[in-house]
């Protein structure tokens, strides 16, 4: 199951933080595993998801809480029941 609202919320958070920190887009792509500008553009538009393996890379590059990014990443693919389960077992 895909959750477009969660996908867009995470993409907007990342895009806003890139702008806030003044990070070069190409440098961010290299640091976080996006291989092409089109794949990164597709991600920012909400057409694709952030992968779990990218969570620590994104959190470090953008100086964000890794657990928050992890939960937002999990929300891209999981329903409310699953997210409640994750929240009970992942301390925030």
C-alpha atoms as a PDB file:
ATOM      1  CA  UNK A   1       0.000   0.000   0.000  1.00  0.00           C
ATOM      2  CA  UNK A   2       1.372   3.401  -0.904  1.00  0.00           C
ATOM      3  CA  UNK A   3       0.599   6.552   1.046  1.00  0.00           C
ATOM      4  CA  UNK A   4       0.988   9.571  -1.252  1.00  0.00           C
ATOM      5  CA  UNK A   5       0.449  12.082   1.563  1.00  0.00           C
ATOM      6  CA  UNK A   6       3.303  10.592   3.578  1.00  0.00           C
ATOM      7  CA  UNK A   7       5.504  10.443   0.492  1.00  0.00           C
ATOM      8  CA  UNK A   8       4.888  14.126  -0.271  1.00  0.00           C
ATOM      9  CA  UNK A   9       5.353  15.210   3.358  1.00  0.00           C
ATOM     10  CA  UNK A  10       8.790  13.603   3.449  1.00  0.00           C
ATOM     11  CA  UNK A  11       9.751  14.986   0.033  1.00  0.00           C
ATOM     12  CA  UNK A  12       8.707  18.503   1.085  1.00  0.00           C
ATOM     13  CA  UNK A  13      10.648  18.240   4.345  1.00  0.00           C
ATOM     14  CA  UNK A  14      13.766  17.219   2.436  1.00  0.00           C
ATOM     15  CA  UNK A  15      13.367  19.895  -0.250  1.00  0.00           C
ATOM     16  CA  UNK A  16      12.760  22.611   2.345  1.00  0.00           C
ATOM     17  CA  UNK A  17      15.769  21.539   4.404  1.00  0.00           C
ATOM     18  CA  UNK A  18      18.028  21.500   1.325  1.00  0.00           C
ATOM     19  CA  UNK A  19      17.002  25.098   0.625  1.00  0.00           C
ATOM     20  CA  UNK A  20      17.308  26.118   4.274  1.00  0.00           C
ATOM     21  CA  UNK A  21      20.858  24.789   4.528  1.00  0.00           C
ATOM     22  CA  UNK A  22      21.852  25.944   1.040  1.00  0.00           C
ATOM     23  CA  UNK A  23      23.046  22.482   0.042  1.00  0.00           C
ATOM     24  CA  UNK A  24      23.895  21.964  -3.610  1.00  0.00           C
ATOM     25  CA  UNK A  25      21.381  19.598  -5.192  1.00  0.00           C
ATOM     26  CA  UNK A  26      23.975  17.513  -7.021  1.00  0.00           C
ATOM     27  CA  UNK A  27      26.076  17.180  -3.878  1.00  0.00           C
ATOM     28  CA  UNK A  28      23.016  16.063  -1.912  1.00  0.00           C
ATOM     29  CA  UNK A  29      22.212  13.490  -4.595  1.00  0.00           C
ATOM     30  CA  UNK A  30      25.743  12.065  -4.366  1.00  0.00           C
ATOM     31  CA  UNK A  31      25.622  11.923  -0.564  1.00  0.00           C
ATOM     32  CA  UNK A  32      22.254  10.175  -0.454  1.00  0.00           C
ATOM     33  CA  UNK A  33      22.344   7.701  -3.322  1.00  0.00           C
ATOM     34  CA  UNK A  34      20.188   9.365  -5.958  1.00  0.00           C
ATOM     35  CA  UNK A  35      21.863   8.380  -9.208  1.00  0.00           C
ATOM     36  CA  UNK A  36      20.253  10.764 -11.678  1.00  0.00           C
ATOM     37  CA  UNK A  37      18.713  14.223 -11.607  1.00  0.00           C
ATOM     38  CA  UNK A  38      15.540  12.736 -13.051  1.00  0.00           C
ATOM     39  CA  UNK A  39      15.237  10.185 -10.225  1.00  0.00           C
ATOM     40  CA  UNK A  40      15.718  12.933  -7.645  1.00  0.00           C
ATOM     41  CA  UNK A  41      13.234  15.203  -9.429  1.00  0.00           C
ATOM     42  CA  UNK A  42      10.745  12.356  -9.550  1.00  0.00           C
ATOM     43  CA  UNK A  43      11.237  11.821  -5.822  1.00  0.00           C
ATOM     44  CA  UNK A  44      10.706  15.499  -4.978  1.00  0.00           C
ATOM     45  CA  UNK A  45       7.530  15.527  -7.080  1.00  0.00           C
ATOM     46  CA  UNK A  46       6.193  12.608  -5.051  1.00  0.00           C
ATOM     47  CA  UNK A  47       6.328   9.995  -7.795  1.00  0.00           C
ATOM     48  CA  UNK A  48       8.833   7.764  -6.031  1.00  0.00           C
ATOM     49  CA  UNK A  49       9.726   6.926  -2.430  1.00  0.00           C
ATOM     50  CA  UNK A  50      12.732   7.363  -0.228  1.00  0.00           C
ATOM     51  CA  UNK A  51      14.295   3.956   0.436  1.00  0.00           C
ATOM     52  CA  UNK A  52      15.049   2.714   3.940  1.00  0.00           C
ATOM     53  CA  UNK A  53      18.765   2.462   3.162  1.00  0.00           C
ATOM     54  CA  UNK A  54      18.758   6.204   2.363  1.00  0.00           C
ATOM     55  CA  UNK A  55      17.379   7.222   5.780  1.00  0.00           C
ATOM     56  CA  UNK A  56      20.739   7.509   7.615  1.00  0.00           C
ATOM     57  CA  UNK A  57      22.336   9.261   4.643  1.00  0.00           C
ATOM     58  CA  UNK A  58      19.533  11.832   4.356  1.00  0.00           C
ATOM     59  CA  UNK A  59      19.397  12.426   8.110  1.00  0.00           C
ATOM     60  CA  UNK A  60      23.144  13.025   8.258  1.00  0.00           C
ATOM     61  CA  UNK A  61      23.305  15.232   5.161  1.00  0.00           C
ATOM     62  CA  UNK A  62      20.412  17.401   6.362  1.00  0.00           C
ATOM     63  CA  UNK A  63      21.175  17.263  10.099  1.00  0.00           C
ATOM     64  CA  UNK A  64      17.746  15.805  10.884  1.00  0.00           C
ATOM     65  CA  UNK A  65      16.576  13.283  13.477  1.00  0.00           C
ATOM     66  CA  UNK A  66      17.115   9.853  11.929  1.00  0.00           C
ATOM     67  CA  UNK A  67      14.186   8.324  13.844  1.00  0.00           C
ATOM     68  CA  UNK A  68      11.812  10.980  12.513  1.00  0.00           C
ATOM     69  CA  UNK A  69      13.001  10.375   8.940  1.00  0.00           C
ATOM     70  CA  UNK A  70      12.709   6.611   9.492  1.00  0.00           C
ATOM     71  CA  UNK A  71       9.103   6.919  10.666  1.00  0.00           C
ATOM     72  CA  UNK A  72       8.230   9.191   7.747  1.00  0.00           C
ATOM     73  CA  UNK A  73       9.887   6.726   5.376  1.00  0.00           C
ATOM     74  CA  UNK A  74       7.934   3.810   6.840  1.00  0.00           C
ATOM     75  CA  UNK A  75       4.695   5.806   6.537  1.00  0.00           C
ATOM     76  CA  UNK A  76       5.175   5.921   2.757  1.00  0.00           C
ATOM     77  CA  UNK A  77       4.297   2.218   2.537  1.00  0.00           C
ATOM     78  CA  UNK A  78       2.319   1.318   5.626  1.00  0.00           C
ATOM     79  CA  UNK A  79      -1.212   1.831   6.854  1.00  0.00           C
ATOM     80  CA  UNK A  80      -2.218   3.343  10.214  1.00  0.00           C
ATOM     81  CA  UNK A  81      -2.281  -0.047  11.965  1.00  0.00           C
ATOM     82  CA  UNK A  82       1.296  -0.797  10.945  1.00  0.00           C
ATOM     83  CA  UNK A  83       2.448   2.696  11.835  1.00  0.00           C
ATOM     84  CA  UNK A  84       0.910   2.388  15.305  1.00  0.00           C
ATOM     85  CA  UNK A  85       2.852  -0.852  15.741  1.00  0.00           C
ATOM     86  CA  UNK A  86       6.098   0.804  14.652  1.00  0.00           C
ATOM     87  CA  UNK A  87       5.487   3.767  16.984  1.00  0.00           C
ATOM     88  CA  UNK A  88       5.002   1.442  19.942  1.00  0.00           C
ATOM     89  CA  UNK A  89       8.365  -0.195  19.319  1.00  0.00           C
ATOM     90  CA  UNK A  90      10.498   2.651  17.996  1.00  0.00           C
ATOM     91  CA  UNK A  91      11.132   5.238  20.693  1.00  0.00           C
ATOM     92  CA  UNK A  92      10.696   8.773  19.423  1.00  0.00           C
END
